[in-house]
Amino acid sequence: MFDKGLYLFSFICPIFFIPGWETNMAQGIFFVFGVFGLLALSFMCKRQREYKNIYLSLIVLWSLMGVFIHSFVMSDNKSFISKFINFSLMSEGFIFVLCGAILFYLVVSYSKNFKIVYPVLAICVLNLFFALGQRMGYDLIWQHTQLVTGRTIYGMMGTQSQLALFSAMSIPIIWASTNIKSLIIIPIINLCLGNIITGVITLISAIFVYSLLKKRFKIAELMFLFGLTGLLLRKFIPYPTPATPDILRHSLARLDLWWLTFKEIIIHPFLGWGFSNSITGNFIYCKTAGGLSFRHNDFLNITKDLGIPFLVIGLLFLWSALKNAKKDYLLLSIIITGVTCFYQTNLYFVRIAVLAIIILGLIQTNKGVKDARGF
């Protein structure tokens, strides 16, 4: 019963939309209520394995503490209404952290024979259908409501970069989990239709990291040479100007975005600014990025929100979850996500975060009960 609910949830959540709504907001609402639905299903299911992890507990507790600290202790505004509004924003951020932790725990504890390839492949097919329609100038069901211009191709993922990332994450899963290897052509086409630069950089970087972890140094050397060639070519790309194409301008502006975010972190290094409560909120103003922009680095973004200790706890949790991973294709998919988090904003979007959380949970199910404990 739980696996059936998880199939439905993992398929609908990344592509859920409500006409006229901002895409990530609609998916965020579905994510929260969907996780509560899975929790309700788990009450009638037999637990498949025991799991405990001190770092996962600390992640939730630190986020819960941040709701009150950032809403009341660190708030300069003495107005009760302002404090209440701020408290609501903090609580909303905490709800997403809590639901992410619950989803991870449910996947580890209750999934039995769940095959992530089925919802991933189905979403890739839908992405291809929509991307081809957008390539011909048609948004087949709804008009996209986010900041995209021109003939942007994003499938059902909201942005070109996230279409490329979802496709890159899907390639090792589809290759390893199906007998028809040629099916990987579907995410490869999606990657090419979306942001091929992001996809290629992500795959090269992820394979390099994966090869080092697996001590396959010949492959790592090859990926390093590919990456070095790309860096040398960048030398001939001029510094961004207003006339520079958007994709190139935003790519070259990332160092400025990261520096501005780092200066925010310095102000509140231990506790952070809280969810949606920094100087500029979820966006940051950067002249070289053309105005308001995402920070394009999840690790800096998380640190800005909840402080350096939270980042350390999160990294320790990832290490405990990934060590001794037995399914290489799941590990590679997570590495692809992690590498991209260094230069994109991914985990703040439900459609990417959900897949990453489920994959991370499935890695634990293949370790066995003893190895699945976080300490």
Protein backbone atom coordinates (compact mmCIF):
# COMPACT_ATOMS: atom_id res chain seq x y z
CA MET A 1 0.00 0.00 0.00
CA PHE A 2 2.76 2.46 0.92
CA ASP A 3 4.70 1.81 -2.30
CA LYS A 4 1.59 2.56 -4.37
CA GLY A 5 1.14 5.85 -2.58
CA LEU A 6 4.81 6.66 -3.06
CA TYR A 7 4.55 5.92 -6.81
CA LEU A 8 1.64 8.33 -7.10
CA PHE A 9 3.32 11.00 -4.99
CA SER A 10 6.71 10.81 -6.74
CA PHE A 11 5.06 11.06 -10.16
CA ILE A 12 2.63 13.91 -9.45
CA CYS A 13 4.71 16.16 -7.18
CA PRO A 14 7.45 17.21 -9.67
CA ILE A 15 4.90 18.06 -12.40
CA PHE A 16 1.95 19.28 -10.33
CA PHE A 17 0.48 22.59 -11.40
CA ILE A 18 -2.58 24.75 -10.87
CA PRO A 19 -3.43 27.04 -13.82
CA GLY A 20 -2.61 30.64 -12.95
CA TRP A 21 -0.46 29.72 -9.94
CA GLU A 22 3.30 30.07 -9.63
CA THR A 23 4.59 26.57 -10.30
CA ASN A 24 6.84 26.03 -7.27
CA MET A 25 4.16 27.39 -4.92
CA ALA A 26 1.59 24.89 -6.20
CA GLN A 27 4.09 22.04 -5.98
CA GLY A 28 5.07 23.13 -2.47
CA ILE A 29 1.46 22.89 -1.31
CA PHE A 30 1.08 19.46 -2.90
CA PHE A 31 4.38 18.35 -1.36
CA VAL A 32 3.31 19.18 2.20
CA PHE A 33 -0.13 17.57 1.98
CA GLY A 34 1.25 14.67 -0.06
CA VAL A 35 3.81 13.86 2.65
CA PHE A 36 1.07 13.98 5.28
CA GLY A 37 -0.92 11.58 3.09
CA LEU A 38 2.02 9.17 2.93
CA LEU A 39 2.39 9.46 6.70
CA ALA A 40 -1.27 8.50 7.10
CA LEU A 41 -0.75 5.50 4.79
CA SER A 42 2.23 4.35 6.85
CA PHE A 43 -0.04 3.91 9.89
CA MET A 44 -1.62 0.87 8.21
CA CYS A 45 1.62 -0.59 6.87
CA LYS A 46 4.26 -2.78 8.42
CA ARG A 47 7.61 -1.13 8.95
CA GLN A 48 10.23 -2.77 6.73
CA ARG A 49 13.34 -1.65 8.58
CA GLU A 50 14.46 0.31 11.62
CA TYR A 51 16.26 3.60 11.05
CA LYS A 52 17.69 6.29 13.28
CA ASN A 53 20.01 9.17 12.49
CA ILE A 54 21.16 11.80 14.97
CA TYR A 55 21.98 14.29 12.20
CA LEU A 56 18.49 14.11 10.71
CA SER A 57 17.09 14.83 14.17
CA LEU A 58 19.44 17.81 14.62
CA ILE A 59 18.42 19.22 11.21
CA VAL A 60 14.78 19.32 12.27
CA LEU A 61 15.53 20.62 15.78
CA TRP A 62 17.82 23.40 14.52
CA SER A 63 15.16 24.47 11.99
CA LEU A 64 12.49 24.45 14.72
CA MET A 65 14.69 26.56 16.98
CA GLY A 66 15.26 28.98 14.11
CA VAL A 67 11.53 29.66 13.77
CA PHE A 68 11.41 31.29 17.20
CA ILE A 69 14.87 32.85 17.22
CA HIS A 70 14.49 34.58 13.87
CA SER A 71 10.88 35.57 14.50
CA PHE A 72 11.30 37.11 17.94
CA VAL A 73 14.85 37.25 19.31
CA MET A 74 16.56 38.54 16.12
CA SER A 75 13.65 40.64 14.87
CA ASP A 76 14.26 44.41 15.04
CA ASN A 77 10.63 45.24 14.40
CA LYS A 78 8.61 45.65 17.62
CA SER A 79 5.24 45.55 15.88
CA PHE A 80 3.14 42.53 16.87
CA ILE A 81 1.70 42.28 13.35
CA SER A 82 5.16 42.31 11.79
CA LYS A 83 6.36 39.68 14.24
CA PHE A 84 3.33 37.53 13.46
CA ILE A 85 3.91 37.80 9.70
CA ASN A 86 7.59 36.99 10.21
CA PHE A 87 6.66 34.03 12.40
CA SER A 88 4.40 32.73 9.63
CA LEU A 89 7.24 32.96 7.08
CA MET A 90 9.63 31.16 9.43
CA SER A 91 7.03 28.46 10.12
CA GLU A 92 6.43 27.91 6.42
CA GLY A 93 10.14 27.34 5.86
CA PHE A 94 10.28 24.92 8.78
CA ILE A 95 7.32 22.95 7.43
CA PHE A 96 9.29 22.17 4.27
CA VAL A 97 12.31 20.99 6.26
CA LEU A 98 10.07 18.86 8.49
CA CYS A 99 8.19 17.32 5.56
CA GLY A 100 11.46 16.60 3.78
CA ALA A 101 12.74 14.76 6.86
CA ILE A 102 9.45 12.85 7.21
CA LEU A 103 9.51 11.84 3.54
CA PHE A 104 13.08 10.58 3.85
CA TYR A 105 12.21 8.62 7.02
CA LEU A 106 9.10 7.09 5.44
CA VAL A 107 10.98 5.96 2.33
CA VAL A 108 13.68 4.33 4.46
CA SER A 109 11.28 2.73 6.92
CA TYR A 110 8.28 1.66 4.80
CA SER A 111 9.22 1.29 1.13
CA LYS A 112 9.36 -2.35 0.12
CA ASN A 113 9.84 -2.90 -3.62
CA PHE A 114 9.68 0.68 -4.84
CA LYS A 115 11.31 1.22 -8.26
CA ILE A 116 12.21 4.87 -8.77
CA VAL A 117 12.72 4.29 -12.51
CA TYR A 118 8.97 4.09 -13.20
CA PRO A 119 7.97 7.62 -12.10
CA VAL A 120 11.26 9.04 -13.39
CA LEU A 121 10.80 7.52 -16.85
CA ALA A 122 7.15 8.64 -16.99
CA ILE A 123 8.13 12.22 -16.11
CA CYS A 124 10.92 12.15 -18.71
CA VAL A 125 8.40 11.13 -21.37
CA LEU A 126 6.07 13.97 -20.37
CA ASN A 127 9.00 16.38 -20.34
CA LEU A 128 9.88 15.31 -23.87
CA PHE A 129 6.30 15.77 -25.05
CA PHE A 130 6.04 19.26 -23.57
CA ALA A 131 9.59 20.26 -24.59
CA LEU A 132 8.91 19.35 -28.22
CA GLY A 133 5.71 21.37 -28.08
CA GLN A 134 7.60 24.35 -26.66
CA ARG A 135 10.26 23.90 -29.35
CA MET A 136 7.48 24.45 -31.88
CA GLY A 137 6.17 27.47 -29.97
CA TYR A 138 3.32 25.87 -27.98
CA ASP A 139 2.76 25.67 -24.22
CA LEU A 140 0.40 22.75 -24.56
CA ILE A 141 -1.57 23.03 -21.30
CA TRP A 142 -0.67 26.22 -19.44
CA GLN A 143 1.32 29.39 -19.86
CA HIS A 144 4.41 29.36 -17.70
CA THR A 145 4.23 32.01 -14.96
CA GLN A 146 7.88 32.30 -13.94
CA LEU A 147 10.56 34.64 -15.29
CA VAL A 148 11.17 33.15 -18.72
CA THR A 149 11.27 34.96 -22.00
CA GLY A 150 11.21 34.04 -25.65
CA ARG A 151 11.03 30.44 -26.77
CA THR A 152 12.32 28.91 -23.56
CA ILE A 153 12.16 25.11 -23.43
CA TYR A 154 11.61 23.71 -19.95
CA GLY A 155 9.31 20.69 -20.41
CA MET A 156 7.37 20.44 -17.15
CA MET A 157 10.30 21.47 -14.94
CA GLY A 158 9.78 25.24 -14.80
CA THR A 159 13.24 26.30 -16.05
CA GLN A 160 15.72 25.12 -18.66
CA SER A 161 18.38 24.38 -16.05
CA GLN A 162 16.04 22.19 -13.99
CA LEU A 163 14.94 20.31 -17.09
CA ALA A 164 18.63 19.64 -17.75
CA LEU A 165 19.28 18.61 -14.13
CA PHE A 166 16.26 16.29 -13.90
CA SER A 167 17.31 14.70 -17.20
CA ALA A 168 20.91 14.26 -16.01
CA MET A 169 19.71 12.67 -12.75
CA SER A 170 17.48 10.33 -14.75
CA ILE A 171 20.17 8.96 -17.09
CA PRO A 172 21.96 6.62 -14.62
CA ILE A 173 18.62 5.52 -13.11
CA ILE A 174 17.10 4.58 -16.47
CA TRP A 175 20.34 2.98 -17.74
CA ALA A 176 20.77 0.75 -14.68
CA SER A 177 17.13 -0.10 -13.97
CA THR A 178 15.76 -1.13 -17.37
CA ASN A 179 16.61 -3.82 -19.89
CA ILE A 180 16.04 -1.37 -22.76
CA LYS A 181 19.17 0.77 -22.51
CA SER A 182 18.14 2.86 -25.49
CA LEU A 183 15.48 4.53 -23.30
CA ILE A 184 18.18 6.89 -22.02
CA ILE A 185 17.77 8.71 -25.33
CA ILE A 186 14.64 10.31 -23.81
CA PRO A 187 16.41 12.22 -21.02
CA ILE A 188 19.35 12.92 -23.34
CA ILE A 189 17.03 14.65 -25.83
CA ASN A 190 15.43 16.57 -22.96
CA LEU A 191 18.87 17.66 -21.80
CA CYS A 192 19.75 18.91 -25.29
CA LEU A 193 16.43 20.72 -25.69
CA GLY A 194 16.82 22.39 -22.29
CA ASN A 195 20.09 23.85 -21.01
CA ILE A 196 22.72 21.63 -22.58
CA ILE A 197 25.56 23.67 -21.02
CA THR A 198 24.28 22.98 -17.50
CA GLY A 199 23.69 19.32 -18.33
CA VAL A 200 27.15 18.71 -19.80
CA ILE A 201 28.97 20.54 -16.98
CA THR A 202 26.94 18.60 -14.42
CA LEU A 203 27.60 15.19 -16.00
CA ILE A 204 31.35 15.81 -16.42
CA SER A 205 31.73 17.07 -12.84
CA ALA A 206 29.60 14.29 -11.35
CA ILE A 207 31.40 11.51 -13.22
CA PHE A 208 34.72 13.02 -12.10
CA VAL A 209 33.66 12.95 -8.41
CA TYR A 210 32.11 9.48 -8.75
CA SER A 211 35.28 8.12 -10.40
CA LEU A 212 37.44 9.46 -7.57
CA LEU A 213 35.18 7.86 -4.96
CA LYS A 214 35.31 4.54 -6.80
CA LYS A 215 39.09 4.88 -7.46
CA ARG A 216 38.60 4.76 -11.22
CA PHE A 217 41.35 7.27 -11.88
CA LYS A 218 41.56 6.87 -15.67
CA ILE A 219 37.97 8.03 -16.04
CA ALA A 220 38.58 10.83 -13.51
CA GLU A 221 41.60 12.03 -15.55
CA LEU A 222 39.50 12.09 -18.72
CA MET A 223 36.73 14.12 -17.04
CA PHE A 224 39.36 16.48 -15.61
CA LEU A 225 40.75 17.11 -19.10
CA PHE A 226 37.26 17.85 -20.41
CA GLY A 227 36.68 20.28 -17.57
CA LEU A 228 40.09 21.94 -18.00
CA THR A 229 39.38 22.44 -21.70
CA GLY A 230 36.13 24.19 -20.80
CA LEU A 231 37.90 26.48 -18.33
CA LEU A 232 40.53 27.42 -20.91
CA LEU A 233 37.84 28.25 -23.43
CA ARG A 234 36.20 30.52 -20.88
CA LYS A 235 39.32 32.73 -21.01
CA PHE A 236 38.19 33.95 -24.39
CA ILE A 237 34.68 34.86 -23.15
CA PRO A 238 34.40 38.58 -22.33
CA TYR A 239 33.17 39.84 -18.95
CA PRO A 240 29.36 40.17 -18.93
CA THR A 241 27.79 43.34 -20.29
CA PRO A 242 24.13 44.31 -20.84
CA ALA A 243 24.52 43.09 -24.41
CA THR A 244 25.73 39.63 -23.38
CA PRO A 245 23.13 36.85 -23.90
CA ASP A 246 21.20 36.07 -20.70
CA ILE A 247 22.51 32.51 -20.14
CA LEU A 248 26.16 33.57 -20.54
CA ARG A 249 25.72 36.74 -18.48
CA HIS A 250 24.13 34.86 -15.57
CA SER A 251 26.82 32.17 -15.72
CA LEU A 252 29.66 34.69 -15.50
CA ALA A 253 27.88 36.67 -12.76
CA ARG A 254 27.84 33.77 -10.31
CA LEU A 255 31.03 34.84 -8.55
CA ASP A 256 29.41 38.20 -7.79
CA LEU A 257 26.25 36.48 -6.53
CA TRP A 258 28.26 34.20 -4.26
CA TRP A 259 30.31 37.09 -2.88
CA LEU A 260 27.17 39.07 -2.05
CA THR A 261 25.68 36.03 -0.33
CA PHE A 262 28.92 35.45 1.58
CA LYS A 263 28.75 39.02 2.91
CA GLU A 264 25.23 38.26 4.19
CA ILE A 265 26.53 35.13 5.93
CA ILE A 266 29.29 37.10 7.67
CA ILE A 267 26.68 39.29 9.38
CA HIS A 268 24.91 36.30 11.01
CA PRO A 269 27.31 33.33 10.61
CA PHE A 270 26.00 31.19 13.47
CA LEU A 271 22.20 31.53 13.26
CA GLY A 272 21.71 32.83 9.73
CA TRP A 273 18.95 35.17 8.62
CA GLY A 274 16.08 32.68 8.78
CA PHE A 275 13.81 31.43 6.02
CA SER A 276 12.94 34.23 3.54
CA ASN A 277 14.25 36.80 6.01
CA SER A 278 17.58 38.02 4.60
CA ILE A 279 18.38 41.49 3.32
CA THR A 280 16.81 40.70 -0.03
CA GLY A 281 14.63 37.66 0.74
CA ASN A 282 14.87 34.67 -1.62
CA PHE A 283 16.42 36.86 -4.33
CA ILE A 284 19.55 38.98 -4.28
CA TYR A 285 20.27 42.09 -6.31
CA CYS A 286 23.33 41.76 -8.54
CA LYS A 287 24.13 44.27 -11.28
CA THR A 288 26.13 41.83 -13.40
CA ALA A 289 23.27 39.32 -13.18
CA GLY A 290 20.87 41.88 -14.59
CA GLY A 291 19.04 42.73 -11.34
CA LEU A 292 17.28 40.37 -8.92
CA SER A 293 18.56 36.82 -9.17
CA PHE A 294 18.72 33.54 -7.30
CA ARG A 295 22.00 32.98 -5.47
CA HIS A 296 22.87 29.98 -7.65
CA ASN A 297 24.50 28.03 -4.82
CA ASP A 298 22.39 25.90 -2.50
CA PHE A 299 25.16 25.48 0.06
CA LEU A 300 25.59 29.24 0.47
CA ASN A 301 21.83 29.72 0.40
CA ILE A 302 21.28 27.20 3.20
CA THR A 303 24.08 28.77 5.26
CA LYS A 304 22.56 32.22 4.77
CA ASP A 305 19.20 30.93 6.01
CA LEU A 306 20.22 28.87 9.06
CA GLY A 307 23.90 29.43 9.70
CA ILE A 308 27.19 27.54 9.39
CA PRO A 309 26.34 24.91 12.08
CA PHE A 310 23.26 23.88 10.09
CA LEU A 311 25.38 23.42 6.95
CA VAL A 312 27.86 21.27 8.90
CA ILE A 313 25.03 19.14 10.32
CA GLY A 314 23.55 18.76 6.84
CA LEU A 315 26.87 17.64 5.36
CA LEU A 316 27.37 15.13 8.19
CA PHE A 317 23.90 13.77 7.48
CA LEU A 318 24.75 13.39 3.79
CA TRP A 319 27.98 11.60 4.66
CA SER A 320 26.18 9.19 6.97
CA ALA A 321 23.53 8.57 4.31
CA LEU A 322 25.90 8.04 1.39
CA LYS A 323 28.75 6.07 2.95
CA ASN A 324 28.77 2.40 1.96
CA ALA A 325 26.11 3.03 -0.70
CA LYS A 326 25.55 -0.19 -2.66
CA LYS A 327 23.56 1.10 -5.64
CA ASP A 328 26.05 2.97 -7.83
CA TYR A 329 23.42 4.45 -10.12
CA LEU A 330 21.57 6.01 -7.17
CA LEU A 331 24.85 7.36 -5.78
CA LEU A 332 25.73 8.89 -9.17
CA SER A 333 22.32 10.52 -9.39
CA ILE A 334 22.79 12.13 -5.96
CA ILE A 335 26.31 13.26 -6.91
CA ILE A 336 24.84 14.90 -10.03
CA THR A 337 22.41 16.80 -7.79
CA GLY A 338 25.10 17.76 -5.29
CA VAL A 339 27.53 19.00 -7.92
CA THR A 340 24.85 21.17 -9.50
CA CYS A 341 24.00 22.65 -6.10
CA PHE A 342 27.37 24.44 -6.23
CA TYR A 343 26.28 26.65 -9.14
CA GLN A 344 22.46 26.42 -9.29
CA THR A 345 19.49 26.88 -6.98
CA ASN A 346 17.94 23.40 -6.87
CA LEU A 347 16.92 22.27 -3.40
CA TYR A 348 14.62 25.26 -2.96
CA PHE A 349 12.49 23.86 -5.80
CA VAL A 350 10.18 20.99 -4.88
CA ARG A 351 10.43 19.21 -8.24
CA ILE A 352 14.18 18.61 -7.75
CA ALA A 353 14.26 18.26 -3.95
CA VAL A 354 11.58 15.51 -3.92
CA LEU A 355 13.49 13.28 -6.31
CA ALA A 356 16.75 13.82 -4.40
CA ILE A 357 15.12 12.98 -1.04
CA ILE A 358 13.51 9.79 -2.36
CA ILE A 359 16.76 8.63 -4.01
CA LEU A 360 18.68 9.35 -0.80
CA GLY A 361 16.12 7.29 1.13
CA LEU A 362 16.35 4.40 -1.32
CA ILE A 363 20.12 4.31 -0.87
CA GLN A 364 19.51 3.53 2.82
CA THR A 365 17.13 0.67 2.01
CA ASN A 366 19.93 -1.13 0.18
CA LYS A 367 22.38 -0.89 3.09
CA GLY A 368 20.54 -3.13 5.50
CA VAL A 369 19.31 -2.32 9.00
CA LYS A 370 22.70 -2.22 10.71
CA ASP A 371 24.35 0.10 8.17
CA ALA A 372 21.34 2.39 7.98
CA ARG A 373 21.95 3.89 11.39
CA GLY A 374 23.43 7.36 11.34
CA PHE A 375 25.86 6.92 14.24
